[in-house]
Structures are given as structure tokens and as C-alpha cells.
PDB file of N, CA and C in Angstrom:
ATOM      1  N   MET A   1     118.714  63.412 110.757  1.00  0.00           N
ATOM      2  CA  MET A   1     118.306  63.517 109.632  1.00  0.00           C
ATOM      3  C   MET A   1     118.631  64.598 108.789  1.00  0.00           C
ATOM      4  N   LYS A   2     119.913  63.455 107.775  1.00  0.00           N
ATOM      5  CA  LYS A   2     120.292  64.914 106.410  1.00  0.00           C
ATOM      6  C   LYS A   2     118.577  65.209 105.274  1.00  0.00           C
ATOM      7  N   LEU A   3     118.702  65.928 105.222  1.00  0.00           N
ATOM      8  CA  LEU A   3     117.556  66.352 104.179  1.00  0.00           C
ATOM      9  C   LEU A   3     118.457  66.528 102.340  1.00  0.00           C
ATOM     10  N   ASP A   4     117.439  65.361 101.825  1.00  0.00           N
ATOM     11  CA  ASP A   4     118.713  65.514 100.562  1.00  0.00           C
ATOM     12  C   ASP A   4     117.691  67.295  99.739  1.00  0.00           C
ATOM     13  N   GLN A   5     118.176  67.895  98.701  1.00  0.00           N
ATOM     14  CA  GLN A   5     118.045  68.476  97.664  1.00  0.00           C
ATOM     15  C   GLN A   5     116.610  68.623  97.527  1.00  0.00           C
ATOM     16  N   LYS A   6     115.611  67.650  96.933  1.00  0.00           N
ATOM     17  CA  LYS A   6     114.478  68.178  96.215  1.00  0.00           C
ATOM     18  C   LYS A   6     113.485  67.620  97.869  1.00  0.00           C
ATOM     19  N   ASN A   7     113.638  67.401  98.477  1.00  0.00           N
ATOM     20  CA  ASN A   7     112.908  67.441 100.213  1.00  0.00           C
ATOM     21  C   ASN A   7     113.051  68.920 100.716  1.00  0.00           C
ATOM     22  N   ARG A   8     114.589  69.247 101.344  1.00  0.00           N
ATOM     23  CA  ARG A   8     114.406  70.650 100.813  1.00  0.00           C
ATOM     24  C   ARG A   8     113.468  72.001 100.674  1.00  0.00           C
ATOM     25  N   ASP A   9     113.555  71.331  99.485  1.00  0.00           N
ATOM     26  CA  ASP A   9     112.705  72.103  98.324  1.00  0.00           C
ATOM     27  C   ASP A   9     111.458  72.602  98.925  1.00  0.00           C
ATOM     28  N   HIS A  10     110.714  71.273  99.220  1.00  0.00           N
ATOM     29  CA  HIS A  10     109.268  71.379  99.657  1.00  0.00           C
ATOM     30  C   HIS A  10     108.715  71.426 100.487  1.00  0.00           C
ATOM     31  N   GLN A  11     109.870  71.213 101.822  1.00  0.00           N
ATOM     32  CA  GLN A  11     109.556  71.154 103.377  1.00  0.00           C
ATOM     33  C   GLN A  11     108.953  72.954 103.582  1.00  0.00           C
ATOM     34  N   MET A  12     107.932  73.015 104.589  1.00  0.00           N
ATOM     35  CA  MET A  12     107.490  74.105 105.034  1.00  0.00           C
ATOM     36  C   MET A  12     107.158  73.607 106.805  1.00  0.00           C
ATOM     37  N   LEU A  13     107.481  75.103 106.909  1.00  0.00           N
ATOM     38  CA  LEU A  13     107.361  75.478 108.270  1.00  0.00           C
ATOM     39  C   LEU A  13     106.411  76.352 108.846  1.00  0.00           C
ATOM     40  N   SER A  14     105.665  75.930 109.928  1.00  0.00           N
ATOM     41  CA  SER A  14     104.566  77.087 110.554  1.00  0.00           C
ATOM     42  C   SER A  14     105.190  78.484 110.986  1.00  0.00           C
ATOM     43  N   ARG A  15     104.542  79.295 111.451  1.00  0.00           N
ATOM     44  CA  ARG A  15     105.404  80.350 112.287  1.00  0.00           C
ATOM     45  C   ARG A  15     105.697  79.767 113.759  1.00  0.00           C
ATOM     46  N   GLY A  16     105.369  79.283 114.253  1.00  0.00           N
ATOM     47  CA  GLY A  16     105.548  78.475 115.345  1.00  0.00           C
ATOM     48  C   GLY A  16     106.599  77.491 115.229  1.00  0.00           C
ATOM     49  N   GLU A  17     106.617  76.634 114.771  1.00  0.00           N
ATOM     50  CA  GLU A  17     108.159  75.889 114.330  1.00  0.00           C
ATOM     51  C   GLU A  17     109.158  76.499 113.646  1.00  0.00           C
ATOM     52  N   LEU A  18     108.858  78.025 113.427  1.00  0.00           N
ATOM     53  CA  LEU A  18     110.220  79.137 112.844  1.00  0.00           C
ATOM     54  C   LEU A  18     110.710  79.647 113.606  1.00  0.00           C
ATOM     55  N   ALA A  19     109.846  80.051 114.844  1.00  0.00           N
ATOM     56  CA  ALA A  19     110.114  81.071 116.028  1.00  0.00           C
ATOM     57  C   ALA A  19     110.636  79.894 117.040  1.00  0.00           C
ATOM     58  N   LYS A  20     110.570  78.474 116.804  1.00  0.00           N
ATOM     59  CA  LYS A  20     110.894  77.476 118.314  1.00  0.00           C
ATOM     60  C   LYS A  20     112.510  77.664 117.373  1.00  0.00           C
ATOM     61  N   ARG A  21     112.886  77.382 116.177  1.00  0.00           N
ATOM     62  CA  ARG A  21     113.663  76.989 115.739  1.00  0.00           C
ATOM     63  C   ARG A  21     115.046  77.914 115.665  1.00  0.00           C
ATOM     64  N   TRP A  22     114.360  79.673 115.367  1.00  0.00           N
ATOM     65  CA  TRP A  22     114.931  80.573 115.993  1.00  0.00           C
ATOM     66  C   TRP A  22     115.669  80.506 117.175  1.00  0.00           C
ATOM     67  N   GLY A  23     114.400  80.165 117.890  1.00  0.00           N
ATOM     68  CA  GLY A  23     114.627  81.081 119.531  1.00  0.00           C
ATOM     69  C   GLY A  23     114.079  81.984 120.039  1.00  0.00           C
ATOM     70  N   VAL A  24     113.388  82.642 119.438  1.00  0.00           N
ATOM     71  CA  VAL A  24     112.221  83.450 119.247  1.00  0.00           C
ATOM     72  C   VAL A  24     110.503  83.043 119.464  1.00  0.00           C
ATOM     73  N   SER A  25     110.181  84.792 119.910  1.00  0.00           N
ATOM     74  CA  SER A  25     108.683  84.743 119.763  1.00  0.00           C
ATOM     75  C   SER A  25     107.888  84.522 118.386  1.00  0.00           C
ATOM     76  N   LYS A  26     106.839  84.784 118.440  1.00  0.00           N
ATOM     77  CA  LYS A  26     105.865  84.317 116.992  1.00  0.00           C
ATOM     78  C   LYS A  26     105.871  86.120 116.487  1.00  0.00           C
ATOM     79  N   GLU A  27     105.474  86.606 117.732  1.00  0.00           N
ATOM     80  CA  GLU A  27     105.806  88.483 117.460  1.00  0.00           C
ATOM     81  C   GLU A  27     107.045  88.643 116.760  1.00  0.00           C
ATOM     82  N   THR A  28     107.940  87.922 116.607  1.00  0.00           N
ATOM     83  CA  THR A  28     109.298  88.600 116.278  1.00  0.00           C
ATOM     84  C   THR A  28     109.547  87.710 114.507  1.00  0.00           C
ATOM     85  N   ILE A  29     108.707  86.743 114.948  1.00  0.00           N
ATOM     86  CA  ILE A  29     108.943  85.961 113.657  1.00  0.00           C
ATOM     87  C   ILE A  29     108.067  87.196 112.354  1.00  0.00           C
ATOM     88  N   LYS A  30     106.420  87.803 113.106  1.00  0.00           N
ATOM     89  CA  LYS A  30     106.174  88.602 111.813  1.00  0.00           C
ATOM     90  C   LYS A  30     106.924  89.688 111.991  1.00  0.00           C
ATOM     91  N   ARG A  31     107.701  90.573 112.956  1.00  0.00           N
ATOM     92  CA  ARG A  31     108.389  91.636 112.079  1.00  0.00           C
ATOM     93  C   ARG A  31     109.237  90.854 111.231  1.00  0.00           C
ATOM     94  N   ARG A  32     110.221  90.208 111.586  1.00  0.00           N
ATOM     95  CA  ARG A  32     110.787  89.789 110.282  1.00  0.00           C
ATOM     96  C   ARG A  32     110.424  89.929 109.107  1.00  0.00           C
ATOM     97  N   GLU A  33     109.190  89.558 109.189  1.00  0.00           N
ATOM     98  CA  GLU A  33     107.905  89.756 107.719  1.00  0.00           C
ATOM     99  C   GLU A  33     108.090  90.763 107.372  1.00  0.00           C
ATOM    100  N   ARG A  34     107.841  92.221 108.404  1.00  0.00           N
ATOM    101  CA  ARG A  34     107.076  93.045 107.589  1.00  0.00           C
ATOM    102  C   ARG A  34     108.576  93.808 107.831  1.00  0.00           C
ATOM    103  N   ASP A  35     109.777  93.425 108.022  1.00  0.00           N
ATOM    104  CA  ASP A  35     111.356  93.785 107.367  1.00  0.00           C
ATOM    105  C   ASP A  35     111.447  93.511 106.632  1.00  0.00           C
ATOM    106  N   GLY A  36     110.561  92.003 105.293  1.00  0.00           N
ATOM    107  CA  GLY A  36     111.162  91.868 104.597  1.00  0.00           C
ATOM    108  C   GLY A  36     112.750  90.853 104.711  1.00  0.00           C
ATOM    109  N   LEU A  37     112.562  90.234 105.720  1.00  0.00           N
ATOM    110  CA  LEU A  37     113.733  89.494 105.764  1.00  0.00           C
ATOM    111  C   LEU A  37     112.889  87.723 105.392  1.00  0.00           C
ATOM    112  N   ILE A  38     111.971  87.672 105.499  1.00  0.00           N
ATOM    113  CA  ILE A  38     111.150  86.187 105.969  1.00  0.00           C
ATOM    114  C   ILE A  38     110.264  86.781 104.773  1.00  0.00           C
ATOM    115  N   HIS A  39     109.618  85.878 103.529  1.00  0.00           N
ATOM    116  CA  HIS A  39     108.255  85.914 102.936  1.00  0.00           C
ATOM    117  C   HIS A  39     107.772  84.437 103.586  1.00  0.00           C
ATOM    118  N   PRO A  40     106.199  84.957 103.667  1.00  0.00           N
ATOM    119  CA  PRO A  40     105.361  83.938 104.176  1.00  0.00           C
ATOM    120  C   PRO A  40     105.021  82.615 102.790  1.00  0.00           C
ATOM    121  N   ILE A  41     104.139  82.138 102.277  1.00  0.00           N
ATOM    122  CA  ILE A  41     103.459  81.417 101.768  1.00  0.00           C
ATOM    123  C   ILE A  41     102.282  81.142 102.303  1.00  0.00           C
ATOM    124  N   ARG A  42     100.676  81.987 102.048  1.00  0.00           N
ATOM    125  CA  ARG A  42      99.893  81.638 102.405  1.00  0.00           C
ATOM    126  C   ARG A  42      98.981  80.729 101.434  1.00  0.00           C
ATOM    127  N   LEU A  43      98.726  79.488 102.207  1.00  0.00           N
ATOM    128  CA  LEU A  43      98.109  78.177 101.751  1.00  0.00           C
ATOM    129  C   LEU A  43      96.368  78.628 102.093  1.00  0.00           C
ATOM    130  N   SER A  44      96.184  79.510 102.648  1.00  0.00           N
ATOM    131  CA  SER A  44      94.719  79.756 102.990  1.00  0.00           C
ATOM    132  C   SER A  44      94.677  81.489 103.762  1.00  0.00           C
ATOM    133  N   SER A  45      93.440  81.642 103.825  1.00  0.00           N
ATOM    134  CA  SER A  45      93.282  82.406 104.671  1.00  0.00           C
ATOM    135  C   SER A  45      93.666  83.219 105.798  1.00  0.00           C
ATOM    136  N   ARG A  46      94.242  81.688 106.789  1.00  0.00           N
ATOM    137  CA  ARG A  46      94.369  81.940 107.774  1.00  0.00           C
ATOM    138  C   ARG A  46      95.935  80.990 107.948  1.00  0.00           C
ATOM    139  N   LEU A  47      96.534  80.458 107.217  1.00  0.00           N
ATOM    140  CA  LEU A  47      97.533  79.251 106.845  1.00  0.00           C
ATOM    141  C   LEU A  47      98.652  80.277 105.952  1.00  0.00           C
ATOM    142  N   LEU A  48      99.529  80.342 107.235  1.00  0.00           N
ATOM    143  CA  LEU A  48     101.058  80.492 106.895  1.00  0.00           C
ATOM    144  C   LEU A  48     102.335  79.688 106.597  1.00  0.00           C
ATOM    145  N   ARG A  49     102.887  79.730 105.520  1.00  0.00           N
ATOM    146  CA  ARG A  49     104.151  78.701 105.905  1.00  0.00           C
ATOM    147  C   ARG A  49     104.963  79.264 105.260  1.00  0.00           C
ATOM    148  N   TYR A  50     106.625  78.914 105.793  1.00  0.00           N
ATOM    149  CA  TYR A  50     107.510  79.185 105.271  1.00  0.00           C
ATOM    150  C   TYR A  50     108.039  77.880 104.788  1.00  0.00           C
ATOM    151  N   ARG A  51     108.810  77.917 103.415  1.00  0.00           N
ATOM    152  CA  ARG A  51     109.481  76.899 102.685  1.00  0.00           C
ATOM    153  C   ARG A  51     111.070  77.091 103.426  1.00  0.00           C
ATOM    154  N   LEU A  52     111.654  76.085 104.068  1.00  0.00           N
ATOM    155  CA  LEU A  52     112.777  75.118 104.840  1.00  0.00           C
ATOM    156  C   LEU A  52     113.643  76.065 103.623  1.00  0.00           C
ATOM    157  N   ILE A  53     113.604  75.349 102.301  1.00  0.00           N
ATOM    158  CA  ILE A  53     114.712  76.141 101.274  1.00  0.00           C
ATOM    159  C   ILE A  53     115.306  77.871 101.407  1.00  0.00           C
ATOM    160  N   ASP A  54     114.075  78.579 101.865  1.00  0.00           N
ATOM    161  CA  ASP A  54     114.310  79.753 101.649  1.00  0.00           C
ATOM    162  C   ASP A  54     114.915  80.181 103.416  1.00  0.00           C
ATOM    163  N   ILE A  55     114.406  79.521 104.130  1.00  0.00           N
ATOM    164  CA  ILE A  55     115.290  80.277 105.905  1.00  0.00           C
ATOM    165  C   ILE A  55     116.290  79.078 105.458  1.00  0.00           C
ATOM    166  N   LEU A  56     116.758  78.514 104.971  1.00  0.00           N
ATOM    167  CA  LEU A  56     118.345  78.062 105.463  1.00  0.00           C
ATOM    168  C   LEU A  56     118.812  78.560 104.465  1.00  0.00           C
ATOM    169  N   ARG A  57     118.765  79.581 103.606  1.00  0.00           N
ATOM    170  CA  ARG A  57     119.199  80.869 102.654  1.00  0.00           C
ATOM    171  C   ARG A  57     119.146  81.180 103.534  1.00  0.00           C
ATOM    172  N   VAL A  58     118.385  82.405 104.676  1.00  0.00           N
ATOM    173  CA  VAL A  58     118.050  83.468 105.367  1.00  0.00           C
ATOM    174  C   VAL A  58     119.480  83.276 106.257  1.00  0.00           C
ATOM    175  N   GLU A  59     119.889  82.057 106.961  1.00  0.00           N
ATOM    176  CA  GLU A  59     120.719  81.786 107.683  1.00  0.00           C
ATOM    177  C   GLU A  59     121.955  81.355 107.091  1.00  0.00           C
ATOM    178  N   GLU A  60     121.709  80.963 106.417  1.00  0.00           N
ATOM    179  CA  GLU A  60     123.734  80.587 105.521  1.00  0.00           C
ATOM    180  C   GLU A  60     123.630  82.304 105.836  1.00  0.00           C
ATOM    181  N   ALA A  61     123.143  83.442 105.312  1.00  0.00           N
ATOM    182  CA  ALA A  61     123.352  85.173 104.620  1.00  0.00           C
ATOM    183  C   ALA A  61     123.724  85.718 106.188  1.00  0.00           C
ATOM    184  N   LEU A  62     122.856  85.465 107.268  1.00  0.00           N
ATOM    185  CA  LEU A  62     122.942  85.813 108.304  1.00  0.00           C
ATOM    186  C   LEU A  62     123.998  85.524 108.957  1.00  0.00           C
ATOM    187  N   ALA A  63     124.598  83.719 108.715  1.00  0.00           N
ATOM    188  CA  ALA A  63     125.876  83.744 109.287  1.00  0.00           C
ATOM    189  C   ALA A  63     126.913  84.228 108.792  1.00  0.00           C
ATOM    190  N   SER A  64     127.319  85.134 108.050  1.00  0.00           N
ATOM    191  CA  SER A  64     127.947  85.250 107.040  1.00  0.00           C
ATOM    192  C   SER A  64     128.762  86.018 108.020  1.00  0.00           C
ATOM    193  N   PRO A  65     130.498  86.578 107.960  1.00  0.00           N
ATOM    194  CA  PRO A  65     130.828  87.310 108.817  1.00  0.00           C
ATOM    195  C   PRO A  65     129.889  88.289 108.264  1.00  0.00           C
ATOM    196  N   ILE A  66     129.739  89.560 107.180  1.00  0.00           N
ATOM    197  CA  ILE A  66     129.043  90.415 106.526  1.00  0.00           C
ATOM    198  C   ILE A  66     128.242  90.867 107.461  1.00  0.00           C
ATOM    199  N   ALA A  67     127.435  89.822 107.762  1.00  0.00           N
ATOM    200  CA  ALA A  67     125.118  90.140 108.632  1.00  0.00           C
ATOM    201  C   ALA A  67     125.984  90.279 109.497  1.00  0.00           C
ATOM    202  N   HIS A  68     125.151  91.341 109.923  1.00  0.00           N
ATOM    203  CA  HIS A  68     124.716  91.527 111.285  1.00  0.00           C
ATOM    204  C   HIS A  68     124.302  91.150 112.410  1.00  0.00           C
ATOM    205  N   THR A  69     124.103  90.255 112.872  1.00  0.00           N
ATOM    206  CA  THR A  69     123.444  89.268 113.849  1.00  0.00           C
ATOM    207  C   THR A  69     122.168  89.707 114.740  1.00  0.00           C
ATOM    208  N   SER A  70     122.433  90.831 114.527  1.00  0.00           N
ATOM    209  CA  SER A  70     121.264  91.121 115.270  1.00  0.00           C
ATOM    210  C   SER A  70     119.628  91.221 114.851  1.00  0.00           C
ATOM    211  N   THR A  71     119.834  91.070 113.605  1.00  0.00           N
ATOM    212  CA  THR A  71     119.184  91.128 112.974  1.00  0.00           C
ATOM    213  C   THR A  71     117.602  89.668 112.660  1.00  0.00           C
ATOM    214  N   PHE A  72     118.428  88.604 113.273  1.00  0.00           N
ATOM    215  CA  PHE A  72     118.586  87.627 112.860  1.00  0.00           C
ATOM    216  C   PHE A  72     117.741  87.254 114.135  1.00  0.00           C
ATOM    217  N   GLY A  73     117.967  87.137 115.821  1.00  0.00           N
ATOM    218  CA  GLY A  73     117.316  86.548 116.548  1.00  0.00           C
ATOM    219  C   GLY A  73     117.186  87.787 117.589  1.00  0.00           C
ATOM    220  N   ALA A  74     117.356  88.503 117.443  1.00  0.00           N
ATOM    221  CA  ALA A  74     116.956  89.635 118.284  1.00  0.00           C
ATOM    222  C   ALA A  74     115.765  90.403 118.891  1.00  0.00           C
ATOM    223  N   GLU A  75     115.063  90.391 119.792  1.00  0.00           N
ATOM    224  CA  GLU A  75     114.119  90.799 120.475  1.00  0.00           C
ATOM    225  C   GLU A  75     113.971  92.143 120.271  1.00  0.00           C
ATOM    226  N   ARG A  76     112.932  92.916 120.176  1.00  0.00           N
ATOM    227  CA  ARG A  76     113.169  94.604 120.087  1.00  0.00           C
ATOM    228  C   ARG A  76     112.658  94.342 121.750  1.00  0.00           C
TER     229      ARG A  76
END
């Protein structure tokens, strides 16, 4: 299913959904937050979400020839 621009701007992913999308653990997603690679939106004291449009930008940037691929999916 292809998303149009408007839907991508508003769609959100949970930490678990993002971890599954990237093939990493939730702990790796937390590390990526601390490293400043991704920035969650806090919807409540216990609820975080990531905007799909932001995730797509990160994926695009890391797919470029200049990007260092180990930053994206490598477990520490």
C-alpha cells in the first residue's frame, strides 16, 4: 500500500513497531534516541511515538553512499 504525503506526515510508529521495521531490539531504538539519530514525540508520560516521515528521512539519509551503515541497524 502506497502512502500519500499527507498520510505519511501524520502516521506514527511505536518503539516496538520501529524496532521490528529496522530489525533491531527496542533497546537499540532507545540507544538511537540517546545518540540523537531519532527523536520520539511524547504523547503522555509513558507513551512515545515516532513520526513516519521522520523515520523515512533517517532511512533515506542512511541509505546514501556517504552514510555509515553500522549506525542504523547494528547492535552494540
